[in-house]
mmCIF file of all heavy atoms, coordinates in Angstrom:
data_MODEL
# 
_entry.id   MODEL 
# 
loop_
_atom_site.group_PDB 
_atom_site.id 
_atom_site.type_symbol 
_atom_site.label_atom_id 
_atom_site.label_alt_id 
_atom_site.label_comp_id 
_atom_site.label_asym_id 
_atom_site.label_entity_id 
_atom_site.label_seq_id 
_atom_site.pdbx_PDB_ins_code 
_atom_site.Cartn_x 
_atom_site.Cartn_y 
_atom_site.Cartn_z 
_atom_site.occupancy 
_atom_site.B_iso_or_equiv 
_atom_site.pdbx_formal_charge 
_atom_site.auth_seq_id 
_atom_site.auth_comp_id 
_atom_site.auth_asym_id 
_atom_site.auth_atom_id 
_atom_site.pdbx_PDB_model_num 
ATOM 1   N N   . ILE A 1 1  ? 50.173 72.513 84.376  1.00 0.00 ? 1  ILE A N   1 
ATOM 2   C CA  . ILE A 1 1  ? 49.015 71.559 84.281  1.00 0.00 ? 1  ILE A CA  1 
ATOM 3   C C   . ILE A 1 1  ? 48.488 71.154 85.672  1.00 0.00 ? 1  ILE A C   1 
ATOM 4   O O   . ILE A 1 1  ? 47.744 70.203 85.763  1.00 0.00 ? 1  ILE A O   1 
ATOM 5   C CB  . ILE A 1 1  ? 49.354 70.316 83.427  1.00 0.00 ? 1  ILE A CB  1 
ATOM 6   C CG1 . ILE A 1 1  ? 50.547 69.538 84.015  1.00 0.00 ? 1  ILE A CG1 1 
ATOM 7   C CG2 . ILE A 1 1  ? 49.610 70.747 81.974  1.00 0.00 ? 1  ILE A CG2 1 
ATOM 8   C CD1 . ILE A 1 1  ? 50.795 68.241 83.270  1.00 0.00 ? 1  ILE A CD1 1 
ATOM 9   N N   . GLY A 1 2  ? 48.959 71.836 86.706  1.00 0.00 ? 2  GLY A N   1 
ATOM 10  C CA  . GLY A 1 2  ? 48.421 71.621 88.041  1.00 0.00 ? 2  GLY A CA  1 
ATOM 11  C C   . GLY A 1 2  ? 49.088 70.596 88.887  1.00 0.00 ? 2  GLY A C   1 
ATOM 12  O O   . GLY A 1 2  ? 48.623 70.256 89.954  1.00 0.00 ? 2  GLY A O   1 
ATOM 13  N N   . GLU A 1 3  ? 50.196 70.068 88.414  1.00 0.00 ? 3  GLU A N   1 
ATOM 14  C CA  . GLU A 1 3  ? 50.952 69.067 89.212  1.00 0.00 ? 3  GLU A CA  1 
ATOM 15  C C   . GLU A 1 3  ? 51.807 69.772 90.259  1.00 0.00 ? 3  GLU A C   1 
ATOM 16  O O   . GLU A 1 3  ? 52.442 70.780 89.958  1.00 0.00 ? 3  GLU A O   1 
ATOM 17  C CB  . GLU A 1 3  ? 51.876 68.219 88.337  1.00 0.00 ? 3  GLU A CB  1 
ATOM 18  C CG  . GLU A 1 3  ? 51.141 67.408 87.306  1.00 0.00 ? 3  GLU A CG  1 
ATOM 19  C CD  . GLU A 1 3  ? 52.059 66.755 86.317  1.00 0.00 ? 3  GLU A CD  1 
ATOM 20  O OE1 . GLU A 1 3  ? 53.142 67.332 85.966  1.00 0.00 ? 3  GLU A OE1 1 
ATOM 21  O OE2 . GLU A 1 3  ? 51.719 65.640 85.823  1.00 0.00 ? 3  GLU A OE2 1 
ATOM 22  N N   . GLU A 1 4  ? 51.794 69.246 91.474  1.00 0.00 ? 4  GLU A N   1 
ATOM 23  C CA  . GLU A 1 4  ? 52.578 69.833 92.532  1.00 0.00 ? 4  GLU A CA  1 
ATOM 24  C C   . GLU A 1 4  ? 54.043 69.519 92.307  1.00 0.00 ? 4  GLU A C   1 
ATOM 25  O O   . GLU A 1 4  ? 54.421 68.341 92.151  1.00 0.00 ? 4  GLU A O   1 
ATOM 26  C CB  . GLU A 1 4  ? 52.133 69.292 93.900  1.00 0.00 ? 4  GLU A CB  1 
ATOM 27  C CG  . GLU A 1 4  ? 52.844 69.945 95.088  1.00 0.00 ? 4  GLU A CG  1 
ATOM 28  C CD  . GLU A 1 4  ? 52.331 69.412 96.420  1.00 0.00 ? 4  GLU A CD  1 
ATOM 29  O OE1 . GLU A 1 4  ? 51.076 69.266 96.513  1.00 0.00 ? 4  GLU A OE1 1 
ATOM 30  O OE2 . GLU A 1 4  ? 53.162 69.199 97.283  1.00 0.00 ? 4  GLU A OE2 1 
ATOM 31  N N   . ILE A 1 5  ? 54.895 70.530 92.241  1.00 0.00 ? 5  ILE A N   1 
ATOM 32  C CA  . ILE A 1 5  ? 56.311 70.294 91.994  1.00 0.00 ? 5  ILE A CA  1 
ATOM 33  C C   . ILE A 1 5  ? 57.209 70.713 93.177  1.00 0.00 ? 5  ILE A C   1 
ATOM 34  O O   . ILE A 1 5  ? 58.372 70.372 93.212  1.00 0.00 ? 5  ILE A O   1 
ATOM 35  C CB  . ILE A 1 5  ? 56.804 71.002 90.694  1.00 0.00 ? 5  ILE A CB  1 
ATOM 36  C CG1 . ILE A 1 5  ? 56.513 72.509 90.748  1.00 0.00 ? 5  ILE A CG1 1 
ATOM 37  C CG2 . ILE A 1 5  ? 56.155 70.391 89.475  1.00 0.00 ? 5  ILE A CG2 1 
ATOM 38  C CD1 . ILE A 1 5  ? 57.127 73.226 89.577  1.00 0.00 ? 5  ILE A CD1 1 
ATOM 39  N N   . ALA A 1 6  ? 56.637 71.447 94.146  1.00 0.00 ? 6  ALA A N   1 
ATOM 40  C CA  . ALA A 1 6  ? 57.426 71.834 95.337  1.00 0.00 ? 6  ALA A CA  1 
ATOM 41  C C   . ALA A 1 6  ? 56.458 72.217 96.467  1.00 0.00 ? 6  ALA A C   1 
ATOM 42  O O   . ALA A 1 6  ? 55.444 72.833 96.237  1.00 0.00 ? 6  ALA A O   1 
ATOM 43  C CB  . ALA A 1 6  ? 58.392 72.980 95.049  1.00 0.00 ? 6  ALA A CB  1 
ATOM 44  N N   . GLY A 1 7  ? 56.855 71.811 97.663  1.00 0.00 ? 7  GLY A N   1 
ATOM 45  C CA  . GLY A 1 7  ? 56.167 72.228 98.860  1.00 0.00 ? 7  GLY A CA  1 
ATOM 46  C C   . GLY A 1 7  ? 56.964 73.363 99.505  1.00 0.00 ? 7  GLY A C   1 
ATOM 47  O O   . GLY A 1 7  ? 58.120 73.170 99.858  1.00 0.00 ? 7  GLY A O   1 
ATOM 48  N N   . LEU A 1 8  ? 56.363 74.546 99.644  1.00 0.00 ? 8  LEU A N   1 
ATOM 49  C CA  . LEU A 1 8  ? 57.084 75.683 100.198 1.00 0.00 ? 8  LEU A CA  1 
ATOM 50  C C   . LEU A 1 8  ? 56.885 75.812 101.696 1.00 0.00 ? 8  LEU A C   1 
ATOM 51  O O   . LEU A 1 8  ? 57.782 76.179 102.421 1.00 0.00 ? 8  LEU A O   1 
ATOM 52  C CB  . LEU A 1 8  ? 56.681 76.978 99.470  1.00 0.00 ? 8  LEU A CB  1 
ATOM 53  C CG  . LEU A 1 8  ? 56.752 76.919 97.956  1.00 0.00 ? 8  LEU A CG  1 
ATOM 54  C CD1 . LEU A 1 8  ? 56.233 78.227 97.341  1.00 0.00 ? 8  LEU A CD1 1 
ATOM 55  C CD2 . LEU A 1 8  ? 58.166 76.653 97.513  1.00 0.00 ? 8  LEU A CD2 1 
ATOM 56  N N   . VAL A 1 9  ? 55.628 75.507 102.115 1.00 0.00 ? 9  VAL A N   1 
ATOM 57  C CA  . VAL A 1 9  ? 55.294 75.596 103.604 1.00 0.00 ? 9  VAL A CA  1 
ATOM 58  C C   . VAL A 1 9  ? 54.320 74.440 103.842 1.00 0.00 ? 9  VAL A C   1 
ATOM 59  O O   . VAL A 1 9  ? 53.403 74.226 103.046 1.00 0.00 ? 9  VAL A O   1 
ATOM 60  C CB  . VAL A 1 9  ? 54.677 76.935 103.975 1.00 0.00 ? 9  VAL A CB  1 
ATOM 61  C CG1 . VAL A 1 9  ? 54.160 76.892 105.405 1.00 0.00 ? 9  VAL A CG1 1 
ATOM 62  C CG2 . VAL A 1 9  ? 55.618 78.077 103.750 1.00 0.00 ? 9  VAL A CG2 1 
ATOM 63  N N   . ASN A 1 10 ? 54.454 73.741 104.962 1.00 0.00 ? 10 ASN A N   1 
ATOM 64  C CA  . ASN A 1 10 ? 53.476 72.742 105.358 1.00 0.00 ? 10 ASN A CA  1 
ATOM 65  C C   . ASN A 1 10 ? 53.623 72.594 106.879 1.00 0.00 ? 10 ASN A C   1 
ATOM 66  O O   . ASN A 1 10 ? 54.193 71.619 107.354 1.00 0.00 ? 10 ASN A O   1 
ATOM 67  C CB  . ASN A 1 10 ? 53.673 71.460 104.636 1.00 0.00 ? 10 ASN A CB  1 
ATOM 68  C CG  . ASN A 1 10 ? 52.527 70.477 104.892 1.00 0.00 ? 10 ASN A CG  1 
ATOM 69  O OD1 . ASN A 1 10 ? 51.507 70.849 105.481 1.00 0.00 ? 10 ASN A OD1 1 
ATOM 70  N ND2 . ASN A 1 10 ? 52.676 69.221 104.484 1.00 0.00 ? 10 ASN A ND2 1 
ATOM 71  N N   . GLU A 1 11 ? 53.095 73.559 107.636 1.00 0.00 ? 11 GLU A N   1 
ATOM 72  C CA  . GLU A 1 11 ? 53.216 73.521 109.085 1.00 0.00 ? 11 GLU A CA  1 
ATOM 73  C C   . GLU A 1 11 ? 52.185 74.408 109.742 1.00 0.00 ? 11 GLU A C   1 
ATOM 74  O O   . GLU A 1 11 ? 51.581 75.275 109.076 1.00 0.00 ? 11 GLU A O   1 
ATOM 75  C CB  . GLU A 1 11 ? 54.607 73.999 109.520 1.00 0.00 ? 11 GLU A CB  1 
ATOM 76  C CG  . GLU A 1 11 ? 54.897 75.440 109.129 1.00 0.00 ? 11 GLU A CG  1 
ATOM 77  C CD  . GLU A 1 11 ? 56.323 75.832 109.435 1.00 0.00 ? 11 GLU A CD  1 
ATOM 78  O OE1 . GLU A 1 11 ? 57.202 74.988 109.638 1.00 0.00 ? 11 GLU A OE1 1 
ATOM 79  O OE2 . GLU A 1 11 ? 56.590 77.036 109.405 1.00 0.00 ? 11 GLU A OE2 1 
ATOM 80  N N   . GLU A 1 12 ? 51.981 74.203 111.040 1.00 0.00 ? 12 GLU A N   1 
ATOM 81  C CA  . GLU A 1 12 ? 51.080 75.080 111.749 1.00 0.00 ? 12 GLU A CA  1 
ATOM 82  C C   . GLU A 1 12 ? 51.763 76.407 112.011 1.00 0.00 ? 12 GLU A C   1 
ATOM 83  O O   . GLU A 1 12 ? 52.942 76.443 112.467 1.00 0.00 ? 12 GLU A O   1 
ATOM 84  C CB  . GLU A 1 12 ? 50.675 74.444 113.081 1.00 0.00 ? 12 GLU A CB  1 
ATOM 85  C CG  . GLU A 1 12 ? 49.613 75.250 113.815 1.00 0.00 ? 12 GLU A CG  1 
ATOM 86  C CD  . GLU A 1 12 ? 49.044 74.478 115.012 1.00 0.00 ? 12 GLU A CD  1 
ATOM 87  O OE1 . GLU A 1 12 ? 49.789 73.924 115.753 1.00 0.00 ? 12 GLU A OE1 1 
ATOM 88  O OE2 . GLU A 1 12 ? 47.793 74.501 115.108 1.00 0.00 ? 12 GLU A OE2 1 
ATOM 89  N N   . GLN A 1 13 ? 51.068 77.516 111.738 1.00 0.00 ? 13 GLN A N   1 
ATOM 90  C CA  . GLN A 1 13 ? 51.662 78.826 111.889 1.00 0.00 ? 13 GLN A CA  1 
ATOM 91  C C   . GLN A 1 13 ? 50.686 79.734 112.637 1.00 0.00 ? 13 GLN A C   1 
ATOM 92  O O   . GLN A 1 13 ? 49.476 79.522 112.616 1.00 0.00 ? 13 GLN A O   1 
ATOM 93  C CB  . GLN A 1 13 ? 51.958 79.455 110.531 1.00 0.00 ? 13 GLN A CB  1 
ATOM 94  C CG  . GLN A 1 13 ? 53.056 78.724 109.791 1.00 0.00 ? 13 GLN A CG  1 
ATOM 95  C CD  . GLN A 1 13 ? 53.438 79.416 108.503 1.00 0.00 ? 13 GLN A CD  1 
ATOM 96  O OE1 . GLN A 1 13 ? 52.578 79.877 107.765 1.00 0.00 ? 13 GLN A OE1 1 
ATOM 97  N NE2 . GLN A 1 13 ? 54.709 79.426 108.219 1.00 0.00 ? 13 GLN A NE2 1 
ATOM 98  N N   . ASP A 1 14 ? 51.232 80.711 113.328 1.00 0.00 ? 14 ASP A N   1 
ATOM 99  C CA  . ASP A 1 14 ? 50.442 81.668 114.086 1.00 0.00 ? 14 ASP A CA  1 
ATOM 100 C C   . ASP A 1 14 ? 49.702 82.624 113.185 1.00 0.00 ? 14 ASP A C   1 
ATOM 101 O O   . ASP A 1 14 ? 50.064 82.828 112.028 1.00 0.00 ? 14 ASP A O   1 
ATOM 102 C CB  . ASP A 1 14 ? 51.310 82.479 115.032 1.00 0.00 ? 14 ASP A CB  1 
ATOM 103 C CG  . ASP A 1 14 ? 51.869 81.612 116.167 1.00 0.00 ? 14 ASP A CG  1 
ATOM 104 O OD1 . ASP A 1 14 ? 51.162 80.673 116.626 1.00 0.00 ? 14 ASP A OD1 1 
ATOM 105 O OD2 . ASP A 1 14 ? 52.960 81.879 116.644 1.00 0.00 ? 14 ASP A OD2 1 
ATOM 106 N N   . LYS A 1 15 ? 48.677 83.263 113.733 1.00 0.00 ? 15 LYS A N   1 
ATOM 107 C CA  . LYS A 1 15 ? 47.936 84.294 113.034 1.00 0.00 ? 15 LYS A CA  1 
ATOM 108 C C   . LYS A 1 15 ? 48.907 85.415 112.654 1.00 0.00 ? 15 LYS A C   1 
ATOM 109 O O   . LYS A 1 15 ? 49.881 85.689 113.353 1.00 0.00 ? 15 LYS A O   1 
ATOM 110 C CB  . LYS A 1 15 ? 46.867 84.859 113.991 1.00 0.00 ? 15 LYS A CB  1 
ATOM 111 C CG  . LYS A 1 15 ? 46.150 86.065 113.458 1.00 0.00 ? 15 LYS A CG  1 
ATOM 112 C CD  . LYS A 1 15 ? 45.163 86.597 114.492 1.00 0.00 ? 15 LYS A CD  1 
ATOM 113 C CE  . LYS A 1 15 ? 44.498 87.854 113.960 1.00 0.00 ? 15 LYS A CE  1 
ATOM 114 N NZ  . LYS A 1 15 ? 43.428 88.308 114.838 1.00 0.00 ? 15 LYS A NZ  1 
ATOM 115 N N   . GLY A 1 16 ? 48.676 86.030 111.485 1.00 0.00 ? 16 GLY A N   1 
ATOM 116 C CA  . GLY A 1 16 ? 49.481 87.192 111.080 1.00 0.00 ? 16 GLY A CA  1 
ATOM 117 C C   . GLY A 1 16 ? 50.009 87.079 109.693 1.00 0.00 ? 16 GLY A C   1 
ATOM 118 O O   . GLY A 1 16 ? 49.651 86.172 108.942 1.00 0.00 ? 16 GLY A O   1 
ATOM 119 N N   . TYR A 1 17 ? 50.923 87.972 109.380 1.00 0.00 ? 17 TYR A N   1 
ATOM 120 C CA  . TYR A 1 17 ? 51.553 88.041 108.079 1.00 0.00 ? 17 TYR A CA  1 
ATOM 121 C C   . TYR A 1 17 ? 52.793 87.116 108.031 1.00 0.00 ? 17 TYR A C   1 
ATOM 122 O O   . TYR A 1 17 ? 53.615 87.135 108.946 1.00 0.00 ? 17 TYR A O   1 
ATOM 123 C CB  . TYR A 1 17 ? 51.959 89.494 107.750 1.00 0.00 ? 17 TYR A CB  1 
ATOM 124 C CG  . TYR A 1 17 ? 52.639 89.619 106.414 1.00 0.00 ? 17 TYR A CG  1 
ATOM 125 C CD1 . TYR A 1 17 ? 51.911 89.500 105.215 1.00 0.00 ? 17 TYR A CD1 1 
ATOM 126 C CD2 . TYR A 1 17 ? 54.042 89.800 106.328 1.00 0.00 ? 17 TYR A CD2 1 
ATOM 127 C CE1 . TYR A 1 17 ? 52.525 89.612 103.973 1.00 0.00 ? 17 TYR A CE1 1 
ATOM 128 C CE2 . TYR A 1 17 ? 54.668 89.882 105.118 1.00 0.00 ? 17 TYR A CE2 1 
ATOM 129 C CZ  . TYR A 1 17 ? 53.893 89.813 103.938 1.00 0.00 ? 17 TYR A CZ  1 
ATOM 130 O OH  . TYR A 1 17 ? 54.515 89.912 102.685 1.00 0.00 ? 17 TYR A OH  1 
ATOM 131 N N   . HIS A 1 18 ? 52.915 86.379 106.939 1.00 0.00 ? 18 HIS A N   1 
ATOM 132 C CA  . HIS A 1 18 ? 54.060 85.489 106.743 1.00 0.00 ? 18 HIS A CA  1 
ATOM 133 C C   . HIS A 1 18 ? 54.564 85.676 105.320 1.00 0.00 ? 18 HIS A C   1 
ATOM 134 O O   . HIS A 1 18 ? 53.781 86.035 104.451 1.00 0.00 ? 18 HIS A O   1 
ATOM 135 C CB  . HIS A 1 18 ? 53.663 84.026 106.918 1.00 0.00 ? 18 HIS A CB  1 
ATOM 136 C CG  . HIS A 1 18 ? 53.072 83.727 108.255 1.00 0.00 ? 18 HIS A CG  1 
ATOM 137 N ND1 . HIS A 1 18 ? 53.842 83.323 109.349 1.00 0.00 ? 18 HIS A ND1 1 
ATOM 138 C CD2 . HIS A 1 18 ? 51.818 83.768 108.700 1.00 0.00 ? 18 HIS A CD2 1 
ATOM 139 C CE1 . HIS A 1 18 ? 53.064 83.145 110.395 1.00 0.00 ? 18 HIS A CE1 1 
ATOM 140 N NE2 . HIS A 1 18 ? 51.800 83.426 110.035 1.00 0.00 ? 18 HIS A NE2 1 
ATOM 141 N N   . LYS A 1 19 ? 55.864 85.424 105.118 1.00 0.00 ? 19 LYS A N   1 
ATOM 142 C CA  . LYS A 1 19 ? 56.369 85.480 103.746 1.00 0.00 ? 19 LYS A CA  1 
ATOM 143 C C   . LYS A 1 19 ? 57.405 84.380 103.587 1.00 0.00 ? 19 LYS A C   1 
ATOM 144 O O   . LYS A 1 19 ? 58.066 83.971 104.522 1.00 0.00 ? 19 LYS A O   1 
ATOM 145 C CB  . LYS A 1 19 ? 56.886 86.858 103.381 1.00 0.00 ? 19 LYS A CB  1 
ATOM 146 C CG  . LYS A 1 19 ? 58.090 87.301 104.141 1.00 0.00 ? 19 LYS A CG  1 
ATOM 147 C CD  . LYS A 1 19 ? 58.508 88.713 103.665 1.00 0.00 ? 19 LYS A CD  1 
ATOM 148 C CE  . LYS A 1 19 ? 59.696 89.163 104.467 1.00 0.00 ? 19 LYS A CE  1 
ATOM 149 N NZ  . LYS A 1 19 ? 60.105 90.508 104.041 1.00 0.00 ? 19 LYS A NZ  1 
ATOM 150 N N   . VAL A 1 20 ? 57.533 83.925 102.341 1.00 0.00 ? 20 VAL A N   1 
ATOM 151 C CA  . VAL A 1 20 ? 58.441 82.851 101.949 1.00 0.00 ? 20 VAL A CA  1 
ATOM 152 C C   . VAL A 1 20 ? 59.216 83.330 100.747 1.00 0.00 ? 20 VAL A C   1 
ATOM 153 O O   . VAL A 1 20 ? 58.641 83.893 99.788  1.00 0.00 ? 20 VAL A O   1 
ATOM 154 C CB  . VAL A 1 20 ? 57.649 81.556 101.584 1.00 0.00 ? 20 VAL A CB  1 
ATOM 155 C CG1 . VAL A 1 20 ? 58.558 80.538 101.041 1.00 0.00 ? 20 VAL A CG1 1 
ATOM 156 C CG2 . VAL A 1 20 ? 56.872 81.049 102.758 1.00 0.00 ? 20 VAL A CG2 1 
ATOM 157 N N   . GLU A 1 21 ? 60.511 83.141 100.756 1.00 0.00 ? 21 GLU A N   1 
ATOM 158 C CA  . GLU A 1 21 ? 61.332 83.406 99.559  1.00 0.00 ? 21 GLU A CA  1 
ATOM 159 C C   . GLU A 1 21 ? 61.478 82.103 98.798  1.00 0.00 ? 21 GLU A C   1 
ATOM 160 O O   . GLU A 1 21 ? 61.900 81.074 99.408  1.00 0.00 ? 21 GLU A O   1 
ATOM 161 C CB  . GLU A 1 21 ? 62.650 84.005 99.919  1.00 0.00 ? 21 GLU A CB  1 
ATOM 162 C CG  . GLU A 1 21 ? 63.427 84.461 98.731  1.00 0.00 ? 21 GLU A CG  1 
ATOM 163 C CD  . GLU A 1 21 ? 64.407 85.556 99.024  1.00 0.00 ? 21 GLU A CD  1 
ATOM 164 O OE1 . GLU A 1 21 ? 64.053 86.496 99.679  1.00 0.00 ? 21 GLU A OE1 1 
ATOM 165 O OE2 . GLU A 1 21 ? 65.578 85.431 98.527  1.00 0.00 ? 21 GLU A OE2 1 
ATOM 166 N N   . PHE A 1 22 ? 61.202 82.151 97.517  1.00 0.00 ? 22 PHE A N   1 
ATOM 167 C CA  . PHE A 1 22 ? 61.332 80.960 96.687  1.00 0.00 ? 22 PHE A CA  1 
ATOM 168 C C   . PHE A 1 22 ? 62.449 81.111 95.656  1.00 0.00 ? 22 PHE A C   1 
ATOM 169 O O   . PHE A 1 22 ? 62.533 82.164 95.005  1.00 0.00 ? 22 PHE A O   1 
ATOM 170 C CB  . PHE A 1 22 ? 59.980 80.711 95.903  1.00 0.00 ? 22 PHE A CB  1 
ATOM 171 C CG  . PHE A 1 22 ? 60.074 79.629 94.931  1.00 0.00 ? 22 PHE A CG  1 
ATOM 172 C CD1 . PHE A 1 22 ? 60.283 78.297 95.303  1.00 0.00 ? 22 PHE A CD1 1 
ATOM 173 C CD2 . PHE A 1 22 ? 60.025 79.887 93.570  1.00 0.00 ? 22 PHE A CD2 1 
ATOM 174 C CE1 . PHE A 1 22 ? 60.422 77.277 94.364  1.00 0.00 ? 22 PHE A CE1 1 
ATOM 175 C CE2 . PHE A 1 22 ? 60.137 78.921 92.624  1.00 0.00 ? 22 PHE A CE2 1 
ATOM 176 C CZ  . PHE A 1 22 ? 60.321 77.597 93.021  1.00 0.00 ? 22 PHE A CZ  1 
ATOM 177 N N   . ASP A 1 23 ? 63.288 80.113 95.536  1.00 0.00 ? 23 ASP A N   1 
ATOM 178 C CA  . ASP A 1 23 ? 64.381 80.107 94.603  1.00 0.00 ? 23 ASP A CA  1 
ATOM 179 C C   . ASP A 1 23 ? 64.060 79.159 93.421  1.00 0.00 ? 23 ASP A C   1 
ATOM 180 O O   . ASP A 1 23 ? 63.965 77.946 93.645  1.00 0.00 ? 23 ASP A O   1 
ATOM 181 C CB  . ASP A 1 23 ? 65.660 79.618 95.266  1.00 0.00 ? 23 ASP A CB  1 
ATOM 182 C CG  . ASP A 1 23 ? 66.892 79.657 94.399  1.00 0.00 ? 23 ASP A CG  1 
ATOM 183 O OD1 . ASP A 1 23 ? 66.764 79.929 93.133  1.00 0.00 ? 23 ASP A OD1 1 
ATOM 184 O OD2 . ASP A 1 23 ? 68.009 79.462 94.870  1.00 0.00 ? 23 ASP A OD2 1 
ATOM 185 N N   . GLY A 1 24 ? 63.850 79.700 92.272  1.00 0.00 ? 24 GLY A N   1 
ATOM 186 C CA  . GLY A 1 24 ? 63.480 78.925 91.111  1.00 0.00 ? 24 GLY A CA  1 
ATOM 187 C C   . GLY A 1 24 ? 64.648 78.604 90.195  1.00 0.00 ? 24 GLY A C   1 
ATOM 188 O O   . GLY A 1 24 ? 64.438 78.325 89.005  1.00 0.00 ? 24 GLY A O   1 
# 
């Protein structure tokens, strides 16, 4: 229903490809 339940990234990052592993 659109409620935020987790913040995975919230920071300044450099140009380029990034990836995050999420554990549910």
